[in-house]
Amino acid sequence: MAAFDTVIRNGTVATASDTFKADVAIKKGRIVAIGEAITDADETVDASGLLVLPGGIDSHVHISQPSGPGIVMADDFESATRAAAFGGNTFVMPYCLQEKGQPLRAALKDYHALADQACYVDHSFHLIIADPSDAVLGQELPALVADGYSSLKIFMTYEGLALSDYEILGVLQVARETGALVQIHAENYDAIRFLTDRLERAGKTAPYYHGKSRPIAVEREATHRAISLAELIDVPIVIVHVSNREAMEEIRRAQARGLKIHGETCPQYLVLTEEDMQDINKDGLNMEGAKYVCSPPPRDKASQEACWEGLQRGVFSLFSSDHCPFRYDDEAGKLTPKGRTSFRWVPNGIPGVETRLPILFSEGVSKGRITLNQFVALTATNHAKTYGLKGKGSIAIGYDADIALWDPQKTAKISQSGLHHGSDYTPYEGIEISGWPVATMLRGKFVVRDGQLTGAKGEGRYVTRGKPGAVA
């Protein structure tokens, strides 16, 4: 009997702190040895010329989430996690949405039923708190945090989701008492409603005006307010999908004052701009711009540079996709009839789970904006640490053998025809990429190898997490 199940030989291993040539030995789904000239394995994988990186952890994805009457997300758990695996990811963290009046455990039961036996990669859920009733805050939420559902998301915008400051403080207080970590979508709901009404009265209803209804000031104000509320309760928070300098600087100043504020940004804020939503056809409603409608919206080139600065300086410790996919050519997607009347009704979100890592590698590592070690931290290690994932997010002895093999020299052009998500388009069409994952392993088994799906749905497991920030 061989000493190891698999040995990955001759590759360059990278962690959040080190880069070195080494062989990696795997036994029973875990990394058991890292060193030179390791042999005696049932299978030897030659990684000459390749990078051996921890599988990506995407801690901000939306899958099979209720999206309003007549609107259907493009991805279920099977298609989303398949796409994630092809993009070099081994773990995703989607959201379980509590609808108004719904007990949290009922929402979780429904969501587990959708995910069970459907996933190609491992996964865990964040809870979206839409109805912070006394029963939810006093009973359900503390019990669920104790059961390992240790991260929550709350919204400062969207009808039916936006919480008042009073309600936000209530959720933050429970988080402080239980050790949960709260993500906050920071945009000012009343300001957006006001601006949307004005734009519509002026006849400015094309998708392009989605961005104009949510200017930087709307995000900056809400970011400052979210930080202030967290400071009142003395609790850590994550400000998600930050799109611009002003919001980034709010987080940086809070961090400089010693507040535990985590920042996250996404690919759309590095490579897209508001011009992608531009109304080219001045005589009608150019719905092509709907492909880029997400919130916060893409900004401008200066905002892109600010987001890169936030990544480089550590203001943003997390880089996620905010994968929220809808089909474009579909009345249950971006071309919903109501959406043709106003940007207000265009389904809000874009696909990106498969392209997150290649975009950051190509635009960041290959172009010298960030180091390979920063890439690993931003896409895997920091996610595991932040959200309490033990044994994930690094190449280390005793860790799960969740590994992506990267060819740093491989070039490709992002194209819908080569992707594996459920959407019928990608907002990143045509972007040239340098550096691409060529294989993905989940607990020592190949899920994707040489461009082919080799894993089986259902092999991805639900993982219960510990207290956020508690992973060494």
Protein backbone atom coordinates (compact mmCIF):
# COMPACT_ATOMS: atom_id res chain seq x y z
CA MET A 1 0.00 0.00 0.00
CA ALA A 2 1.33 3.43 -0.96
CA ALA A 3 2.07 5.94 1.77
CA PHE A 4 -0.02 8.65 0.11
CA ASP A 5 -3.11 8.80 -2.07
CA THR A 6 -1.78 11.61 -4.24
CA VAL A 7 1.41 13.64 -4.52
CA ILE A 8 1.54 16.90 -6.44
CA ARG A 9 5.15 17.18 -7.59
CA ASN A 10 7.40 19.91 -8.95
CA GLY A 11 5.00 22.79 -8.47
CA THR A 12 5.45 26.20 -6.86
CA VAL A 13 3.42 26.43 -3.68
CA ALA A 14 2.07 29.79 -2.56
CA THR A 15 0.42 30.73 0.71
CA ALA A 16 -0.57 34.12 2.08
CA SER A 17 2.97 34.58 3.39
CA ASP A 18 5.38 32.38 1.42
CA THR A 19 6.21 31.08 -2.06
CA PHE A 20 8.42 28.01 -2.48
CA LYS A 21 9.08 24.96 -4.63
CA ALA A 22 7.71 21.83 -2.96
CA ASP A 23 5.81 18.59 -3.38
CA VAL A 24 2.46 18.25 -1.62
CA ALA A 25 1.29 14.86 -0.34
CA ILE A 26 -2.38 14.06 0.24
CA LYS A 27 -3.94 11.28 2.34
CA LYS A 28 -7.65 10.80 3.07
CA GLY A 29 -8.52 14.22 1.73
CA ARG A 30 -5.96 16.19 3.74
CA ILE A 31 -2.49 17.56 3.19
CA VAL A 32 -0.15 15.37 5.22
CA ALA A 33 3.31 16.34 3.98
CA ILE A 34 5.04 19.22 2.19
CA GLY A 35 8.65 18.78 1.13
CA GLU A 36 11.11 17.70 -1.53
CA ALA A 37 11.12 14.54 -3.62
CA ILE A 38 8.02 13.02 -2.05
CA THR A 39 7.09 9.75 -3.76
CA ASP A 40 5.25 6.52 -2.90
CA ALA A 41 1.75 7.63 -3.89
CA ASP A 42 -1.11 5.93 -5.72
CA GLU A 43 -1.14 8.90 -8.10
CA THR A 44 1.54 11.43 -8.93
CA VAL A 45 0.50 14.72 -10.49
CA ASP A 46 3.21 16.61 -12.33
CA ALA A 47 2.80 20.33 -11.62
CA SER A 48 5.93 21.49 -13.40
CA GLY A 49 5.50 25.11 -14.40
CA LEU A 50 2.30 25.40 -12.37
CA LEU A 51 1.36 27.22 -9.19
CA VAL A 52 -0.11 25.16 -6.35
CA LEU A 53 -2.59 27.45 -4.60
CA PRO A 54 -5.33 26.95 -2.04
CA GLY A 55 -8.71 26.66 -3.72
CA GLY A 56 -10.55 29.94 -3.85
CA ILE A 57 -13.14 30.77 -1.20
CA ASP A 58 -15.86 33.06 -2.50
CA SER A 59 -17.66 34.36 0.57
CA HIS A 60 -20.20 36.49 -1.29
CA VAL A 61 -22.44 34.67 -3.78
CA HIS A 62 -26.19 34.55 -4.37
CA ILE A 63 -27.63 31.23 -5.55
CA SER A 64 -31.31 30.24 -5.99
CA GLN A 65 -32.31 33.27 -3.94
CA PRO A 66 -35.86 34.66 -4.12
CA SER A 67 -35.69 37.74 -6.33
CA GLY A 68 -39.21 39.10 -6.60
CA PRO A 69 -42.38 38.19 -8.50
CA GLY A 70 -41.65 36.64 -11.88
CA ILE A 71 -37.86 36.93 -11.49
CA VAL A 72 -35.71 33.79 -11.35
CA MET A 73 -31.98 33.58 -10.69
CA ALA A 74 -29.98 31.96 -13.47
CA ASP A 75 -28.02 29.60 -11.21
CA ASP A 76 -29.08 26.78 -8.96
CA PHE A 77 -26.56 25.10 -6.67
CA GLU A 78 -25.49 22.61 -9.31
CA SER A 79 -24.64 25.16 -12.01
CA ALA A 80 -23.19 27.77 -9.64
CA THR A 81 -20.83 25.39 -7.88
CA ARG A 82 -19.80 23.82 -11.19
CA ALA A 83 -18.86 27.27 -12.45
CA ALA A 84 -17.08 27.98 -9.18
CA ALA A 85 -14.95 24.85 -9.58
CA PHE A 86 -13.96 25.76 -13.14
CA GLY A 87 -12.88 29.14 -11.78
CA GLY A 88 -10.49 27.58 -9.26
CA ASN A 89 -12.81 27.74 -6.25
CA THR A 90 -13.39 25.00 -3.72
CA PHE A 91 -15.74 26.80 -1.33
CA VAL A 92 -18.66 29.22 -1.73
CA MET A 93 -20.75 31.04 0.84
CA PRO A 94 -24.22 31.91 -0.49
CA TYR A 95 -27.03 33.66 1.35
CA CYS A 96 -30.09 32.18 2.96
CA LEU A 97 -32.74 34.89 2.69
CA GLN A 98 -35.31 35.24 5.43
CA GLU A 99 -38.49 36.67 3.96
CA LYS A 100 -40.78 38.88 6.03
CA GLY A 101 -42.55 36.88 8.71
CA GLN A 102 -40.55 33.73 8.00
CA PRO A 103 -38.77 31.91 10.84
CA LEU A 104 -35.04 31.61 10.20
CA ARG A 105 -35.06 27.84 10.63
CA ALA A 106 -37.79 27.50 7.99
CA ALA A 107 -35.69 29.52 5.55
CA LEU A 108 -32.65 27.36 6.30
CA LYS A 109 -34.62 24.14 5.84
CA ASP A 110 -35.71 25.27 2.39
CA TYR A 111 -32.21 26.37 1.46
CA HIS A 112 -30.52 23.19 2.63
CA ALA A 113 -33.01 21.23 0.53
CA LEU A 114 -31.89 23.16 -2.56
CA ALA A 115 -28.19 22.61 -1.85
CA ASP A 116 -28.12 19.06 -0.51
CA GLN A 117 -26.71 16.60 -3.05
CA ALA A 118 -26.36 19.37 -5.66
CA CYS A 119 -22.96 20.94 -5.02
CA TYR A 120 -19.59 20.29 -6.64
CA VAL A 121 -17.69 22.29 -4.01
CA ASP A 122 -18.03 22.79 -0.27
CA HIS A 123 -20.29 25.52 1.01
CA SER A 124 -21.71 27.31 4.02
CA PHE A 125 -24.52 29.85 4.42
CA HIS A 126 -24.79 33.43 5.62
CA LEU A 127 -28.19 34.40 7.05
CA ILE A 128 -29.93 37.46 5.61
CA ILE A 129 -31.95 39.09 8.38
CA ALA A 130 -34.92 40.84 6.78
CA ASP A 131 -37.31 40.66 9.74
CA PRO A 132 -35.46 41.21 13.05
CA SER A 133 -38.45 40.50 15.30
CA ASP A 134 -38.12 39.97 19.04
CA ALA A 135 -38.40 36.21 18.48
CA VAL A 136 -35.65 36.25 15.85
CA LEU A 137 -33.25 38.38 17.89
CA GLY A 138 -34.06 36.88 21.25
CA GLN A 139 -34.34 33.20 20.41
CA GLU A 140 -33.78 32.03 16.84
CA LEU A 141 -30.63 33.92 15.97
CA PRO A 142 -28.62 33.11 19.12
CA ALA A 143 -29.50 29.42 18.76
CA LEU A 144 -28.49 29.35 15.10
CA VAL A 145 -25.17 31.11 15.75
CA ALA A 146 -24.46 28.44 18.37
CA ASP A 147 -25.21 25.84 15.68
CA GLY A 148 -22.51 27.26 13.39
CA TYR A 149 -24.47 29.79 11.31
CA SER A 150 -22.09 32.43 12.54
CA SER A 151 -22.38 35.19 9.92
CA LEU A 152 -25.28 37.44 8.99
CA LYS A 153 -26.06 40.02 6.36
CA ILE A 154 -28.24 43.08 6.69
CA PHE A 155 -29.24 45.71 4.15
CA MET A 156 -29.50 49.48 4.33
CA THR A 157 -31.37 49.53 1.00
CA TYR A 158 -33.96 47.61 -1.08
CA GLU A 159 -37.68 47.48 -0.43
CA GLY A 160 -38.51 44.70 1.99
CA LEU A 161 -34.89 44.29 3.08
CA ALA A 162 -33.73 47.70 4.32
CA LEU A 163 -33.50 47.89 8.12
CA SER A 164 -33.85 51.05 10.15
CA ASP A 165 -30.93 52.21 12.27
CA TYR A 166 -32.83 50.97 15.33
CA GLU A 167 -33.19 47.51 13.77
CA ILE A 168 -29.55 47.47 12.71
CA LEU A 169 -28.48 48.24 16.26
CA GLY A 170 -30.61 45.34 17.48
CA VAL A 171 -28.91 42.92 15.11
CA LEU A 172 -25.46 44.25 16.00
CA GLN A 173 -26.20 43.80 19.70
CA VAL A 174 -27.06 40.13 19.15
CA ALA A 175 -23.87 39.76 17.12
CA ARG A 176 -21.86 41.17 20.01
CA GLU A 177 -23.52 38.81 22.48
CA THR A 178 -23.11 35.69 20.32
CA GLY A 179 -19.84 36.36 18.48
CA ALA A 180 -21.49 36.44 15.05
CA LEU A 181 -20.09 38.59 12.26
CA VAL A 182 -22.39 40.98 10.40
CA GLN A 183 -21.99 41.96 6.75
CA ILE A 184 -23.62 45.26 5.76
CA HIS A 185 -24.77 46.38 2.33
CA ALA A 186 -24.22 50.11 2.75
CA GLU A 187 -26.37 52.32 0.54
CA ASN A 188 -28.89 54.94 1.68
CA TYR A 189 -32.35 53.63 0.75
CA ASP A 190 -34.26 56.90 1.10
CA ALA A 191 -31.70 58.79 -0.98
CA ILE A 192 -31.93 56.16 -3.73
CA ARG A 193 -35.74 56.31 -3.71
CA PHE A 194 -35.64 60.10 -3.92
CA LEU A 195 -33.18 60.15 -6.81
CA THR A 196 -35.01 57.35 -8.64
CA ASP A 197 -38.30 59.24 -8.46
CA ARG A 198 -36.66 62.38 -9.84
CA LEU A 199 -34.99 60.52 -12.70
CA GLU A 200 -38.20 58.78 -13.69
CA ARG A 201 -40.15 62.05 -13.67
CA ALA A 202 -37.52 63.45 -16.02
CA GLY A 203 -37.94 60.46 -18.36
CA LYS A 204 -34.48 59.10 -17.57
CA THR A 205 -35.42 55.45 -17.25
CA ALA A 206 -32.77 53.52 -19.24
CA PRO A 207 -30.47 51.08 -17.40
CA TYR A 208 -27.69 53.68 -17.52
CA TYR A 209 -29.56 55.76 -14.95
CA HIS A 210 -29.34 52.96 -12.42
CA GLY A 211 -25.88 54.31 -11.66
CA LYS A 212 -27.13 57.88 -11.45
CA SER A 213 -29.71 56.83 -8.85
CA ARG A 214 -26.95 55.45 -6.61
CA PRO A 215 -24.09 57.99 -6.71
CA ILE A 216 -20.99 57.69 -4.57
CA ALA A 217 -22.42 59.93 -1.84
CA VAL A 218 -25.21 57.40 -1.24
CA GLU A 219 -22.65 54.68 -0.54
CA ARG A 220 -20.25 56.91 1.41
CA GLU A 221 -22.96 58.15 3.78
CA ALA A 222 -24.27 54.67 4.49
CA THR A 223 -20.75 53.33 5.01
CA HIS A 224 -20.03 56.05 7.55
CA ARG A 225 -23.35 55.40 9.30
CA ALA A 226 -22.82 51.62 9.39
CA ILE A 227 -19.37 52.12 10.94
CA SER A 228 -20.80 54.55 13.48
CA LEU A 229 -23.53 52.10 14.51
CA ALA A 230 -20.96 49.30 14.85
CA GLU A 231 -18.82 51.61 16.97
CA LEU A 232 -21.76 52.27 19.29
CA ILE A 233 -22.16 48.55 19.93
CA ASP A 234 -18.39 47.82 19.78
CA VAL A 235 -18.73 44.97 17.31
CA PRO A 236 -16.81 43.98 14.14
CA ILE A 237 -18.57 44.30 10.78
CA VAL A 238 -17.82 43.68 7.10
CA ILE A 239 -18.67 46.42 4.61
CA VAL A 240 -19.29 44.45 1.43
CA HIS A 241 -18.78 45.31 -2.27
CA VAL A 242 -17.13 48.70 -1.83
CA SER A 243 -16.95 50.55 -5.16
CA ASN A 244 -15.12 53.86 -4.69
CA ARG A 245 -12.52 55.93 -2.85
CA GLU A 246 -14.84 57.82 -0.53
CA ALA A 247 -16.34 54.67 0.99
CA MET A 248 -12.90 53.03 1.07
CA GLU A 249 -11.50 56.00 2.97
CA GLU A 250 -14.31 55.76 5.53
CA ILE A 251 -13.20 52.19 6.23
CA ARG A 252 -9.51 53.12 6.29
CA ARG A 253 -10.08 55.90 8.83
CA ALA A 254 -12.13 53.57 11.03
CA GLN A 255 -9.38 50.94 10.89
CA ALA A 256 -6.79 53.59 11.78
CA ARG A 257 -8.85 54.38 14.89
CA GLY A 258 -8.67 50.74 15.92
CA LEU A 259 -12.21 49.73 14.91
CA LYS A 260 -12.64 46.17 13.62
CA ILE A 261 -14.04 47.03 10.23
CA HIS A 262 -13.41 44.59 7.37
CA GLY A 263 -13.63 45.79 3.76
CA GLU A 264 -14.54 43.83 0.65
CA THR A 265 -14.46 44.72 -3.04
CA CYS A 266 -15.30 42.83 -6.23
CA PRO A 267 -14.17 42.40 -9.86
CA GLN A 268 -16.81 44.73 -11.28
CA TYR A 269 -15.22 47.65 -9.45
CA LEU A 270 -11.81 46.89 -10.95
CA VAL A 271 -12.65 46.40 -14.63
CA LEU A 272 -16.15 47.81 -15.36
CA THR A 273 -17.34 51.41 -15.37
CA GLU A 274 -20.69 53.21 -15.48
CA GLU A 275 -20.15 53.69 -19.21
CA ASP A 276 -20.89 49.98 -19.68
CA MET A 277 -24.51 50.85 -18.83
CA GLN A 278 -24.54 53.76 -21.28
CA ASP A 279 -27.63 54.38 -23.41
CA ILE A 280 -26.23 54.12 -26.92
CA ASN A 281 -29.60 54.27 -28.65
CA LYS A 282 -30.81 57.76 -27.79
CA ASP A 283 -34.20 57.09 -29.41
CA GLY A 284 -35.15 54.18 -27.22
CA LEU A 285 -34.40 52.06 -24.20
CA ASN A 286 -31.05 50.37 -24.72
CA MET A 287 -31.46 47.27 -22.60
CA GLU A 288 -27.90 46.05 -23.27
CA GLY A 289 -26.92 48.23 -20.33
CA ALA A 290 -29.04 45.99 -18.10
CA LYS A 291 -26.29 43.38 -18.33
CA TYR A 292 -24.16 45.56 -16.04
CA VAL A 293 -26.82 46.61 -13.51
CA CYS A 294 -25.61 45.75 -10.01
CA SER A 295 -25.45 47.58 -6.69
CA PRO A 296 -23.41 49.52 -5.92
CA PRO A 297 -22.97 50.25 -9.63
CA PRO A 298 -19.62 50.33 -11.41
CA ARG A 299 -18.12 53.83 -11.15
CA ASP A 300 -15.25 55.41 -13.12
CA LYS A 301 -11.53 54.90 -13.73
CA ALA A 302 -10.59 56.89 -10.62
CA SER A 303 -12.78 54.63 -8.51
CA GLN A 304 -11.13 51.59 -10.06
CA GLU A 305 -7.72 52.90 -9.00
CA ALA A 306 -9.04 53.58 -5.49
CA CYS A 307 -10.27 50.00 -5.19
CA TRP A 308 -6.86 48.72 -6.29
CA GLU A 309 -5.32 50.94 -3.65
CA GLY A 310 -7.65 49.48 -1.05
CA LEU A 311 -6.50 45.98 -2.00
CA GLN A 312 -2.83 46.93 -2.04
CA ARG A 313 -2.91 48.70 1.33
CA GLY A 314 -4.99 46.07 3.13
CA VAL A 315 -8.07 48.25 3.62
CA PHE A 316 -9.89 45.50 1.75
CA SER A 317 -9.01 42.10 3.15
CA LEU A 318 -11.63 40.25 1.10
CA PHE A 319 -12.12 39.96 -2.66
CA SER A 320 -15.43 38.33 -3.59
CA SER A 321 -17.52 38.05 -6.73
CA ASP A 322 -20.97 39.13 -5.48
CA HIS A 323 -22.17 36.54 -8.01
CA CYS A 324 -25.86 37.35 -8.50
CA PRO A 325 -26.78 35.89 -11.89
CA PHE A 326 -29.78 36.52 -14.09
CA ARG A 327 -30.31 35.57 -17.70
CA TYR A 328 -30.32 38.51 -20.09
CA ASP A 329 -32.59 37.33 -22.90
CA ASP A 330 -35.35 36.19 -20.57
CA GLU A 331 -38.52 37.81 -19.26
CA ALA A 332 -37.72 36.19 -15.91
CA GLY A 333 -34.32 37.90 -16.02
CA LYS A 334 -32.89 41.21 -17.19
CA LEU A 335 -35.56 41.68 -19.88
CA THR A 336 -38.48 41.48 -17.48
CA PRO A 337 -41.34 43.57 -18.89
CA LYS A 338 -41.29 45.97 -15.93
CA GLY A 339 -37.57 46.45 -16.43
CA ARG A 340 -38.28 47.79 -19.91
CA THR A 341 -40.24 50.62 -18.30
CA SER A 342 -37.53 51.73 -15.86
CA PHE A 343 -34.13 50.81 -14.49
CA ARG A 344 -35.90 50.60 -11.10
CA TRP A 345 -37.23 47.16 -12.05
CA VAL A 346 -34.20 45.64 -13.77
CA PRO A 347 -33.03 42.61 -11.76
CA ASN A 348 -30.05 43.75 -9.77
CA GLY A 349 -26.89 41.67 -10.05
CA ILE A 350 -24.34 40.12 -12.42
CA PRO A 351 -22.63 36.73 -12.76
CA GLY A 352 -18.99 36.39 -11.73
CA VAL A 353 -18.14 33.36 -9.60
CA GLU A 354 -16.13 31.70 -12.39
CA THR A 355 -14.23 34.80 -13.48
CA ARG A 356 -13.37 36.32 -10.06
CA LEU A 357 -10.00 34.63 -9.64
CA PRO A 358 -8.76 34.92 -13.24
CA ILE A 359 -9.58 38.64 -13.32
CA LEU A 360 -7.73 39.37 -10.07
CA PHE A 361 -4.78 37.18 -11.04
CA SER A 362 -4.46 38.73 -14.48
CA GLU A 363 -5.11 42.36 -13.55
CA GLY A 364 -3.38 42.08 -10.18
CA VAL A 365 -0.57 39.51 -10.11
CA SER A 366 0.32 39.38 -13.80
CA LYS A 367 0.35 43.19 -14.07
CA GLY A 368 2.30 43.68 -10.84
CA ARG A 369 -0.39 45.47 -8.84
CA ILE A 370 -0.41 42.84 -6.07
CA THR A 371 1.85 39.94 -5.13
CA LEU A 372 0.98 36.29 -5.49
CA ASN A 373 0.83 36.06 -1.70
CA GLN A 374 -1.64 38.93 -1.54
CA PHE A 375 -3.72 37.13 -4.16
CA VAL A 376 -3.87 34.00 -1.99
CA ALA A 377 -4.82 36.05 1.09
CA LEU A 378 -7.50 38.07 -0.70
CA THR A 379 -9.13 35.10 -2.40
CA ALA A 380 -8.82 32.27 0.12
CA THR A 381 -6.93 32.64 3.40
CA ASN A 382 -8.61 35.81 4.67
CA HIS A 383 -12.06 34.42 3.90
CA ALA A 384 -11.37 31.34 6.01
CA LYS A 385 -10.02 33.42 8.88
CA THR A 386 -12.76 36.02 8.74
CA TYR A 387 -15.64 33.55 8.68
CA GLY A 388 -14.37 30.80 10.98
CA LEU A 389 -13.51 28.09 8.43
CA LYS A 390 -11.12 25.69 10.12
CA GLY A 391 -8.73 23.73 7.91
CA LYS A 392 -9.51 25.72 4.78
CA GLY A 393 -7.83 28.48 2.79
CA SER A 394 -4.15 27.51 2.84
CA ILE A 395 -1.61 24.92 1.75
CA ALA A 396 -0.59 23.54 5.14
CA ILE A 397 -0.23 20.19 6.86
CA GLY A 398 -3.54 19.09 8.38
CA TYR A 399 -5.61 21.30 6.08
CA ASP A 400 -8.15 19.97 3.62
CA ALA A 401 -6.54 19.29 0.26
CA ASP A 402 -8.59 21.98 -1.47
CA ILE A 403 -6.14 22.97 -4.18
CA ALA A 404 -6.15 24.83 -7.47
CA LEU A 405 -3.37 24.33 -9.99
CA TRP A 406 -2.69 27.51 -11.96
CA ASP A 407 -0.83 28.05 -15.20
CA PRO A 408 0.51 31.61 -14.77
CA GLN A 409 1.43 31.76 -18.47
CA LYS A 410 -1.89 30.61 -19.89
CA THR A 411 -3.68 33.33 -21.80
CA ALA A 412 -7.35 33.37 -22.66
CA LYS A 413 -10.15 35.73 -23.50
CA ILE A 414 -13.22 35.63 -21.27
CA SER A 415 -16.17 34.48 -23.35
CA GLN A 416 -19.65 33.32 -22.47
CA SER A 417 -19.11 30.28 -24.68
CA GLY A 418 -16.34 29.05 -22.39
CA LEU A 419 -18.10 29.56 -19.06
CA HIS A 420 -20.22 27.16 -17.03
CA HIS A 421 -22.71 29.29 -15.10
CA GLY A 422 -26.46 29.38 -15.74
CA SER A 423 -26.54 32.89 -17.16
CA ASP A 424 -26.59 33.49 -20.91
CA TYR A 425 -23.95 36.25 -20.83
CA THR A 426 -20.92 37.50 -18.93
CA PRO A 427 -20.35 41.21 -18.20
CA TYR A 428 -16.63 40.52 -18.65
CA GLU A 429 -16.92 39.39 -22.27
CA GLY A 430 -13.71 39.95 -24.21
CA ILE A 431 -11.36 40.72 -21.32
CA GLU A 432 -7.91 39.27 -21.99
CA ILE A 433 -6.63 37.11 -19.15
CA SER A 434 -3.09 36.06 -18.32
CA GLY A 435 -3.03 33.22 -15.78
CA TRP A 436 -5.78 30.65 -15.47
CA PRO A 437 -6.66 27.69 -13.19
CA VAL A 438 -6.16 24.40 -15.06
CA ALA A 439 -7.30 21.99 -12.32
CA THR A 440 -9.28 22.12 -9.08
CA MET A 441 -9.16 19.55 -6.28
CA LEU A 442 -11.67 19.23 -3.45
CA ARG A 443 -10.36 17.28 -0.46
CA GLY A 444 -7.78 15.58 -2.67
CA LYS A 445 -10.13 14.64 -5.54
CA PHE A 446 -10.14 16.40 -8.89
CA VAL A 447 -13.34 18.27 -9.58
CA VAL A 448 -11.97 19.89 -12.75
CA ARG A 449 -8.96 18.58 -14.65
CA ASP A 450 -7.59 19.63 -18.03
CA GLY A 451 -10.72 21.61 -18.79
CA GLN A 452 -13.08 18.74 -18.01
CA LEU A 453 -15.52 18.26 -15.16
CA THR A 454 -14.38 15.15 -13.27
CA GLY A 455 -16.20 15.59 -9.97
CA ALA A 456 -19.77 14.62 -9.22
CA LYS A 457 -22.53 16.81 -7.89
CA GLY A 458 -23.18 16.09 -4.25
CA GLU A 459 -19.50 15.69 -3.41
CA GLY A 460 -19.46 19.25 -2.11
CA ARG A 461 -20.37 19.27 1.58
CA TYR A 462 -22.07 21.74 3.87
CA VAL A 463 -19.50 22.94 6.42
CA THR A 464 -20.41 24.20 9.87
CA ARG A 465 -18.23 27.12 10.90
CA GLY A 466 -16.71 28.25 14.16
CA LYS A 467 -16.71 31.77 15.53
CA PRO A 468 -15.59 34.33 12.93
CA GLY A 469 -12.00 35.44 13.34
CA ALA A 470 -11.16 32.44 15.53
CA VAL A 471 -9.14 30.53 12.90
CA ALA A 472 -5.37 30.79 13.44
